[in-house]
Amino acid sequence: MTKVIFSWSGGKDSALALYEIRQNRQYEIVTLLTTVTEGYDRVSMHGVRRALIEKQAQSLGLPLAEVFIPQVCSNEEYETRMKDVLTRYRTMGVDSVVFGDIFLADIRKYREDNLARLEMKGVFPLWARNTRELVESFISLGFQAITTCVDTKFLNKRFIGRTLDAAFLAELPSGVDPGGENGEFHSFVFAGPIFKQPVNFDMGEVVLRDSFYFADLIPERE
């Protein structure tokens, strides 16, 4: 089996890509890998607390490696910190990283170019598939997710803190990708066929920061 690192954001594309990879059975997932913003202690862009990502990993039964980046982070700084982590796993026989990207070719090329410098490859199980069909499949498989970040350039406040379901898809304005692949929205997956048990949380406040609405999800006390 090919040893891989799985790039994990905690959102629906990551979850569906992980589901696909596990169905494939050609890969051994050595660890999940997520990026955390220092100071905020949250997943970059998604705005989800690190504690919830750790609970996801526990429910998935997988280790979690975390790359910490500064709040203002240049590409050079990001690449240096990512390289340090990837190099460590490269010496352990890992030669590929799995991503949930679907159709943004420039992002895929950026990832592949950086990995090539480390003699590593990218794996893209969802690549070039229809985003509406992917989201509908995500829902029909029994995954449950909530929107944690929406870009106000595309969506208004009523789309934040929403469950990803048929009603959500039906209400999306024309021009908004059903999967949010252009960054229109991000999500947190809290239940589904790949999880041993749901990741429980309470709803916190919704805040507007830099033209993005963020819904704060608070880990439920055990």
C-alpha atoms as a PDB file:
ATOM      1  CA  MET A   1       0.000   0.000   0.000  1.00  0.00           C
ATOM      2  CA  THR A   2       1.092   3.550  -0.729  1.00  0.00           C
ATOM      3  CA  LYS A   3       1.754   5.570   2.429  1.00  0.00           C
ATOM      4  CA  VAL A   4       0.079   8.983   2.294  1.00  0.00           C
ATOM      5  CA  ILE A   5      -0.507  12.095   4.353  1.00  0.00           C
ATOM      6  CA  PHE A   6      -4.065  13.386   4.194  1.00  0.00           C
ATOM      7  CA  SER A   7      -4.492  17.166   4.005  1.00  0.00           C
ATOM      8  CA  TRP A   8      -7.379  17.738   6.414  1.00  0.00           C
ATOM      9  CA  SER A   9      -9.398  20.928   6.850  1.00  0.00           C
ATOM     10  CA  GLY A  10     -12.306  19.361   8.712  1.00  0.00           C
ATOM     11  CA  GLY A  11     -14.739  20.311   5.942  1.00  0.00           C
ATOM     12  CA  LYS A  12     -16.931  18.401   3.527  1.00  0.00           C
ATOM     13  CA  ASP A  13     -14.400  18.047   0.684  1.00  0.00           C
ATOM     14  CA  SER A  14     -11.830  16.593   3.052  1.00  0.00           C
ATOM     15  CA  ALA A  15     -14.390  14.187   4.477  1.00  0.00           C
ATOM     16  CA  LEU A  16     -15.618  13.015   1.080  1.00  0.00           C
ATOM     17  CA  ALA A  17     -12.060  12.633  -0.243  1.00  0.00           C
ATOM     18  CA  LEU A  18     -11.170  10.570   2.840  1.00  0.00           C
ATOM     19  CA  TYR A  19     -14.239   8.406   2.265  1.00  0.00           C
ATOM     20  CA  GLU A  20     -13.135   7.823  -1.341  1.00  0.00           C
ATOM     21  CA  ILE A  21      -9.554   7.010  -0.341  1.00  0.00           C
ATOM     22  CA  ARG A  22     -10.700   4.497   2.251  1.00  0.00           C
ATOM     23  CA  GLN A  23     -12.950   2.816  -0.316  1.00  0.00           C
ATOM     24  CA  ASN A  24      -9.965   2.542  -2.660  1.00  0.00           C
ATOM     25  CA  ARG A  25      -7.893   0.475  -0.206  1.00  0.00           C
ATOM     26  CA  GLN A  26      -4.669   1.236  -2.106  1.00  0.00           C
ATOM     27  CA  TYR A  27      -3.490   3.780   0.433  1.00  0.00           C
ATOM     28  CA  GLU A  28      -2.302   3.702   4.030  1.00  0.00           C
ATOM     29  CA  ILE A  29      -3.086   7.010   5.731  1.00  0.00           C
ATOM     30  CA  VAL A  30      -0.171   7.728   8.039  1.00  0.00           C
ATOM     31  CA  THR A  31      -1.598  10.966   9.436  1.00  0.00           C
ATOM     32  CA  LEU A  32      -4.032  13.784   8.883  1.00  0.00           C
ATOM     33  CA  LEU A  33      -2.335  17.142   8.352  1.00  0.00           C
ATOM     34  CA  THR A  34      -4.002  20.447   9.183  1.00  0.00           C
ATOM     35  CA  THR A  35      -2.902  24.081   9.277  1.00  0.00           C
ATOM     36  CA  VAL A  36      -3.588  26.077  12.442  1.00  0.00           C
ATOM     37  CA  THR A  37      -3.315  29.859  12.771  1.00  0.00           C
ATOM     38  CA  GLU A  38      -1.243  30.873  15.780  1.00  0.00           C
ATOM     39  CA  GLY A  39      -2.937  33.102  18.314  1.00  0.00           C
ATOM     40  CA  TYR A  40      -6.410  32.221  17.061  1.00  0.00           C
ATOM     41  CA  ASP A  41      -5.721  28.493  17.578  1.00  0.00           C
ATOM     42  CA  ARG A  42      -8.123  27.744  14.744  1.00  0.00           C
ATOM     43  CA  VAL A  43      -7.964  26.028  11.371  1.00  0.00           C
ATOM     44  CA  SER A  44      -6.923  28.569   8.753  1.00  0.00           C
ATOM     45  CA  MET A  45      -9.851  29.958   6.692  1.00  0.00           C
ATOM     46  CA  HIS A  46     -12.425  27.602   8.173  1.00  0.00           C
ATOM     47  CA  GLY A  47     -12.171  29.288  11.563  1.00  0.00           C
ATOM     48  CA  VAL A  48     -12.803  26.038  13.455  1.00  0.00           C
ATOM     49  CA  ARG A  49     -11.255  25.584  16.882  1.00  0.00           C
ATOM     50  CA  ARG A  50      -8.283  23.222  16.946  1.00  0.00           C
ATOM     51  CA  ALA A  51      -9.914  21.184  19.714  1.00  0.00           C
ATOM     52  CA  LEU A  52     -12.736  20.213  17.326  1.00  0.00           C
ATOM     53  CA  ILE A  53     -10.300  19.090  14.626  1.00  0.00           C
ATOM     54  CA  GLU A  54      -8.570  16.962  17.236  1.00  0.00           C
ATOM     55  CA  LYS A  55     -11.922  15.415  18.175  1.00  0.00           C
ATOM     56  CA  GLN A  56     -12.556  14.678  14.493  1.00  0.00           C
ATOM     57  CA  ALA A  57      -9.221  12.866  14.271  1.00  0.00           C
ATOM     58  CA  GLN A  58     -10.039  10.834  17.365  1.00  0.00           C
ATOM     59  CA  SER A  59     -13.393   9.829  15.902  1.00  0.00           C
ATOM     60  CA  LEU A  60     -11.715   8.925  12.609  1.00  0.00           C
ATOM     61  CA  GLY A  61      -9.113   6.839  14.434  1.00  0.00           C
ATOM     62  CA  LEU A  62      -6.227   8.678  12.763  1.00  0.00           C
ATOM     63  CA  PRO A  63      -3.218  10.629  14.062  1.00  0.00           C
ATOM     64  CA  LEU A  64      -3.193  14.391  13.502  1.00  0.00           C
ATOM     65  CA  ALA A  65      -0.154  16.476  12.584  1.00  0.00           C
ATOM     66  CA  GLU A  66      -0.540  20.238  12.955  1.00  0.00           C
ATOM     67  CA  VAL A  67       1.363  22.953  11.101  1.00  0.00           C
ATOM     68  CA  PHE A  68       1.233  26.274  12.939  1.00  0.00           C
ATOM     69  CA  ILE A  69       1.406  29.428  10.824  1.00  0.00           C
ATOM     70  CA  PRO A  70       1.417  33.119  11.863  1.00  0.00           C
ATOM     71  CA  GLN A  71      -1.695  35.269  11.465  1.00  0.00           C
ATOM     72  CA  VAL A  72       0.029  37.217   8.708  1.00  0.00           C
ATOM     73  CA  CYS A  73       1.779  34.538   6.701  1.00  0.00           C
ATOM     74  CA  SER A  74       3.706  34.916   3.449  1.00  0.00           C
ATOM     75  CA  ASN A  75       3.848  32.098   0.911  1.00  0.00           C
ATOM     76  CA  GLU A  76       7.532  31.656   1.753  1.00  0.00           C
ATOM     77  CA  GLU A  77       6.823  31.222   5.464  1.00  0.00           C
ATOM     78  CA  TYR A  78       3.941  28.839   4.764  1.00  0.00           C
ATOM     79  CA  GLU A  79       6.052  26.743   2.414  1.00  0.00           C
ATOM     80  CA  THR A  80       8.980  26.605   4.872  1.00  0.00           C
ATOM     81  CA  ARG A  81       6.831  25.381   7.745  1.00  0.00           C
ATOM     82  CA  MET A  82       5.019  22.878   5.553  1.00  0.00           C
ATOM     83  CA  LYS A  83       8.316  21.618   4.130  1.00  0.00           C
ATOM     84  CA  ASP A  84       9.667  20.921   7.617  1.00  0.00           C
ATOM     85  CA  VAL A  85       6.721  18.654   8.420  1.00  0.00           C
ATOM     86  CA  LEU A  86       6.539  16.945   5.033  1.00  0.00           C
ATOM     87  CA  THR A  87      10.276  16.241   5.033  1.00  0.00           C
ATOM     88  CA  ARG A  88       9.929  14.423   8.325  1.00  0.00           C
ATOM     89  CA  TYR A  89       7.252  12.143   6.897  1.00  0.00           C
ATOM     90  CA  ARG A  90       9.197  11.719   3.660  1.00  0.00           C
ATOM     91  CA  THR A  91      11.985  10.081   5.642  1.00  0.00           C
ATOM     92  CA  MET A  92       9.361   7.664   6.994  1.00  0.00           C
ATOM     93  CA  GLY A  93       8.520   6.430   3.515  1.00  0.00           C
ATOM     94  CA  VAL A  94       5.560   8.708   2.784  1.00  0.00           C
ATOM     95  CA  ASP A  95       5.678   9.925  -0.813  1.00  0.00           C
ATOM     96  CA  SER A  96       2.198  11.353  -1.443  1.00  0.00           C
ATOM     97  CA  VAL A  97      -0.277  13.859   0.001  1.00  0.00           C
ATOM     98  CA  VAL A  98      -4.030  13.581  -0.552  1.00  0.00           C
ATOM     99  CA  PHE A  99      -6.094  16.725  -1.185  1.00  0.00           C
ATOM    100  CA  GLY A 100      -9.829  17.365  -1.546  1.00  0.00           C
ATOM    101  CA  ASP A 101      -9.459  19.904  -4.375  1.00  0.00           C
ATOM    102  CA  ILE A 102     -11.992  19.619  -7.184  1.00  0.00           C
ATOM    103  CA  PHE A 103     -11.319  22.040 -10.047  1.00  0.00           C
ATOM    104  CA  LEU A 104      -8.992  24.942  -9.161  1.00  0.00           C
ATOM    105  CA  ALA A 105      -6.099  24.111 -11.492  1.00  0.00           C
ATOM    106  CA  ASP A 106      -3.793  26.866 -10.201  1.00  0.00           C
ATOM    107  CA  ILE A 107      -4.035  25.565  -6.632  1.00  0.00           C
ATOM    108  CA  ARG A 108      -3.402  22.002  -7.780  1.00  0.00           C
ATOM    109  CA  LYS A 109      -0.309  23.111  -9.723  1.00  0.00           C
ATOM    110  CA  TYR A 110       0.947  25.061  -6.702  1.00  0.00           C
ATOM    111  CA  ARG A 111       0.607  21.987  -4.507  1.00  0.00           C
ATOM    112  CA  GLU A 112       2.216  19.654  -7.043  1.00  0.00           C
ATOM    113  CA  ASP A 113       5.139  22.014  -7.682  1.00  0.00           C
ATOM    114  CA  ASN A 114       5.901  22.291  -3.964  1.00  0.00           C
ATOM    115  CA  LEU A 115       5.622  18.533  -3.454  1.00  0.00           C
ATOM    116  CA  ALA A 116       7.848  17.825  -6.448  1.00  0.00           C
ATOM    117  CA  ARG A 117      10.687  19.708  -4.728  1.00  0.00           C
ATOM    118  CA  LEU A 118      10.476  17.094  -1.982  1.00  0.00           C
ATOM    119  CA  GLU A 119      10.115  14.222  -4.464  1.00  0.00           C
ATOM    120  CA  MET A 120       6.520  13.767  -3.376  1.00  0.00           C
ATOM    121  CA  LYS A 121       3.236  13.595  -5.312  1.00  0.00           C
ATOM    122  CA  GLY A 122      -0.303  14.831  -4.889  1.00  0.00           C
ATOM    123  CA  VAL A 123      -3.383  12.604  -4.949  1.00  0.00           C
ATOM    124  CA  PHE A 124      -6.729  14.222  -5.856  1.00  0.00           C
ATOM    125  CA  PRO A 125      -9.612  11.705  -5.536  1.00  0.00           C
ATOM    126  CA  LEU A 126     -12.357  14.274  -6.240  1.00  0.00           C
ATOM    127  CA  TRP A 127     -10.654  16.016  -9.138  1.00  0.00           C
ATOM    128  CA  ALA A 128     -12.811  17.246 -12.073  1.00  0.00           C
ATOM    129  CA  ARG A 129     -16.032  15.785 -10.666  1.00  0.00           C
ATOM    130  CA  ASN A 130     -19.303  17.723 -10.741  1.00  0.00           C
ATOM    131  CA  THR A 131     -19.534  19.703  -7.499  1.00  0.00           C
ATOM    132  CA  ARG A 132     -23.314  19.509  -7.181  1.00  0.00           C
ATOM    133  CA  GLU A 133     -23.176  15.735  -7.608  1.00  0.00           C
ATOM    134  CA  LEU A 134     -20.409  15.552  -5.015  1.00  0.00           C
ATOM    135  CA  VAL A 135     -22.399  17.537  -2.445  1.00  0.00           C
ATOM    136  CA  GLU A 136     -25.544  15.502  -3.141  1.00  0.00           C
ATOM    137  CA  SER A 137     -23.495  12.324  -2.702  1.00  0.00           C
ATOM    138  CA  PHE A 138     -22.052  13.726   0.539  1.00  0.00           C
ATOM    139  CA  ILE A 139     -25.579  14.244   1.866  1.00  0.00           C
ATOM    140  CA  SER A 140     -26.955  10.911   0.657  1.00  0.00           C
ATOM    141  CA  LEU A 141     -24.045   9.024   2.275  1.00  0.00           C
ATOM    142  CA  GLY A 142     -25.191  10.348   5.630  1.00  0.00           C
ATOM    143  CA  PHE A 143     -22.534  12.981   6.280  1.00  0.00           C
ATOM    144  CA  GLN A 144     -23.577  15.948   8.391  1.00  0.00           C
ATOM    145  CA  ALA A 145     -21.857  19.322   8.194  1.00  0.00           C
ATOM    146  CA  ILE A 146     -22.426  22.931   9.189  1.00  0.00           C
ATOM    147  CA  THR A 147     -21.168  26.105   7.507  1.00  0.00           C
ATOM    148  CA  THR A 148     -18.512  27.818   9.607  1.00  0.00           C
ATOM    149  CA  CYS A 149     -17.395  30.574   7.226  1.00  0.00           C
ATOM    150  CA  VAL A 150     -19.094  32.428   4.372  1.00  0.00           C
ATOM    151  CA  ASP A 151     -17.649  35.082   2.091  1.00  0.00           C
ATOM    152  CA  THR A 152     -19.962  38.108   2.059  1.00  0.00           C
ATOM    153  CA  LYS A 153     -18.998  38.787  -1.561  1.00  0.00           C
ATOM    154  CA  PHE A 154     -21.110  35.745  -2.446  1.00  0.00           C
ATOM    155  CA  LEU A 155     -23.462  34.959   0.444  1.00  0.00           C
ATOM    156  CA  ASN A 156     -25.255  36.836   3.184  1.00  0.00           C
ATOM    157  CA  LYS A 157     -25.483  36.133   6.904  1.00  0.00           C
ATOM    158  CA  ARG A 158     -28.373  33.649   6.641  1.00  0.00           C
ATOM    159  CA  PHE A 159     -26.004  31.077   5.116  1.00  0.00           C
ATOM    160  CA  ILE A 160     -23.678  30.932   8.120  1.00  0.00           C
ATOM    161  CA  GLY A 161     -24.224  28.239  10.744  1.00  0.00           C
ATOM    162  CA  ARG A 162     -26.423  26.293   8.348  1.00  0.00           C
ATOM    163  CA  THR A 163     -26.638  22.538   7.915  1.00  0.00           C
ATOM    164  CA  LEU A 164     -25.533  21.365   4.481  1.00  0.00           C
ATOM    165  CA  ASP A 165     -28.686  19.779   3.135  1.00  0.00           C
ATOM    166  CA  ALA A 166     -31.035  19.940   0.157  1.00  0.00           C
ATOM    167  CA  ALA A 167     -32.651  23.128   1.444  1.00  0.00           C
ATOM    168  CA  PHE A 168     -29.257  24.842   1.703  1.00  0.00           C
ATOM    169  CA  LEU A 169     -28.377  23.883  -1.875  1.00  0.00           C
ATOM    170  CA  ALA A 170     -31.759  25.063  -3.161  1.00  0.00           C
ATOM    171  CA  GLU A 171     -31.275  28.504  -1.594  1.00  0.00           C
ATOM    172  CA  LEU A 172     -27.808  29.174  -3.010  1.00  0.00           C
ATOM    173  CA  PRO A 173     -27.810  32.147  -5.413  1.00  0.00           C
ATOM    174  CA  SER A 174     -27.044  31.470  -9.048  1.00  0.00           C
ATOM    175  CA  GLY A 175     -23.329  31.708  -9.732  1.00  0.00           C
ATOM    176  CA  VAL A 176     -22.365  30.259  -6.349  1.00  0.00           C
ATOM    177  CA  ASP A 177     -20.677  26.885  -6.674  1.00  0.00           C
ATOM    178  CA  PRO A 178     -22.745  24.211  -4.855  1.00  0.00           C
ATOM    179  CA  GLY A 179     -19.575  22.923  -3.238  1.00  0.00           C
ATOM    180  CA  GLY A 180     -18.187  26.345  -2.358  1.00  0.00           C
ATOM    181  CA  GLU A 181     -15.103  25.486  -4.395  1.00  0.00           C
ATOM    182  CA  ASN A 182     -14.410  29.152  -5.145  1.00  0.00           C
ATOM    183  CA  GLY A 183     -14.277  29.927  -1.427  1.00  0.00           C
ATOM    184  CA  GLU A 184     -17.922  30.979  -1.116  1.00  0.00           C
ATOM    185  CA  PHE A 185     -18.301  28.959   2.085  1.00  0.00           C
ATOM    186  CA  HIS A 186     -16.442  26.498   4.302  1.00  0.00           C
ATOM    187  CA  SER A 187     -17.822  23.799   6.565  1.00  0.00           C
ATOM    188  CA  PHE A 188     -17.205  21.509   9.518  1.00  0.00           C
ATOM    189  CA  VAL A 189     -18.229  17.840   9.284  1.00  0.00           C
ATOM    190  CA  PHE A 190     -19.465  16.442  12.576  1.00  0.00           C
ATOM    191  CA  ALA A 191     -20.918  13.046  11.626  1.00  0.00           C
ATOM    192  CA  GLY A 192     -20.944  10.496   8.840  1.00  0.00           C
ATOM    193  CA  PRO A 193     -19.895   7.029   7.683  1.00  0.00           C
ATOM    194  CA  ILE A 194     -16.171   7.563   8.325  1.00  0.00           C
ATOM    195  CA  PHE A 195     -16.660   8.627  11.963  1.00  0.00           C
ATOM    196  CA  LYS A 196     -16.863   6.251  14.930  1.00  0.00           C
ATOM    197  CA  GLN A 197     -19.108   8.714  16.747  1.00  0.00           C
ATOM    198  CA  PRO A 198     -20.418  12.255  16.142  1.00  0.00           C
ATOM    199  CA  VAL A 199     -18.266  15.242  17.082  1.00  0.00           C
ATOM    200  CA  ASN A 200     -20.578  17.207  19.355  1.00  0.00           C
ATOM    201  CA  PHE A 201     -20.476  20.975  19.738  1.00  0.00           C
ATOM    202  CA  ASP A 202     -22.546  23.958  20.836  1.00  0.00           C
ATOM    203  CA  MET A 203     -23.226  26.993  18.666  1.00  0.00           C
ATOM    204  CA  GLY A 204     -21.368  30.112  19.700  1.00  0.00           C
ATOM    205  CA  GLU A 205     -21.598  33.613  18.316  1.00  0.00           C
ATOM    206  CA  VAL A 206     -21.411  34.658  14.674  1.00  0.00           C
ATOM    207  CA  VAL A 207     -18.835  37.362  13.926  1.00  0.00           C
ATOM    208  CA  LEU A 208     -17.956  39.414  10.853  1.00  0.00           C
ATOM    209  CA  ARG A 209     -14.228  39.716  10.201  1.00  0.00           C
ATOM    210  CA  ASP A 210     -12.552  40.990   7.022  1.00  0.00           C
ATOM    211  CA  SER A 211     -15.727  40.499   4.928  1.00  0.00           C
ATOM    212  CA  PHE A 212     -16.232  36.922   6.185  1.00  0.00           C
ATOM    213  CA  TYR A 213     -18.878  35.667   8.586  1.00  0.00           C
ATOM    214  CA  PHE A 214     -17.575  33.046  11.019  1.00  0.00           C
ATOM    215  CA  ALA A 215     -19.717  30.796  13.219  1.00  0.00           C
ATOM    216  CA  ASP A 216     -17.935  29.818  16.406  1.00  0.00           C
ATOM    217  CA  LEU A 217     -18.434  26.140  17.228  1.00  0.00           C
ATOM    218  CA  ILE A 218     -17.705  25.343  20.873  1.00  0.00           C
ATOM    219  CA  PRO A 219     -16.596  21.800  21.763  1.00  0.00           C
ATOM    220  CA  GLU A 220     -19.171  20.096  23.942  1.00  0.00           C
ATOM    221  CA  ARG A 221     -17.901  19.277  27.414  1.00  0.00           C
ATOM    222  CA  GLU A 222     -17.427  15.586  28.019  1.00  0.00           C
END
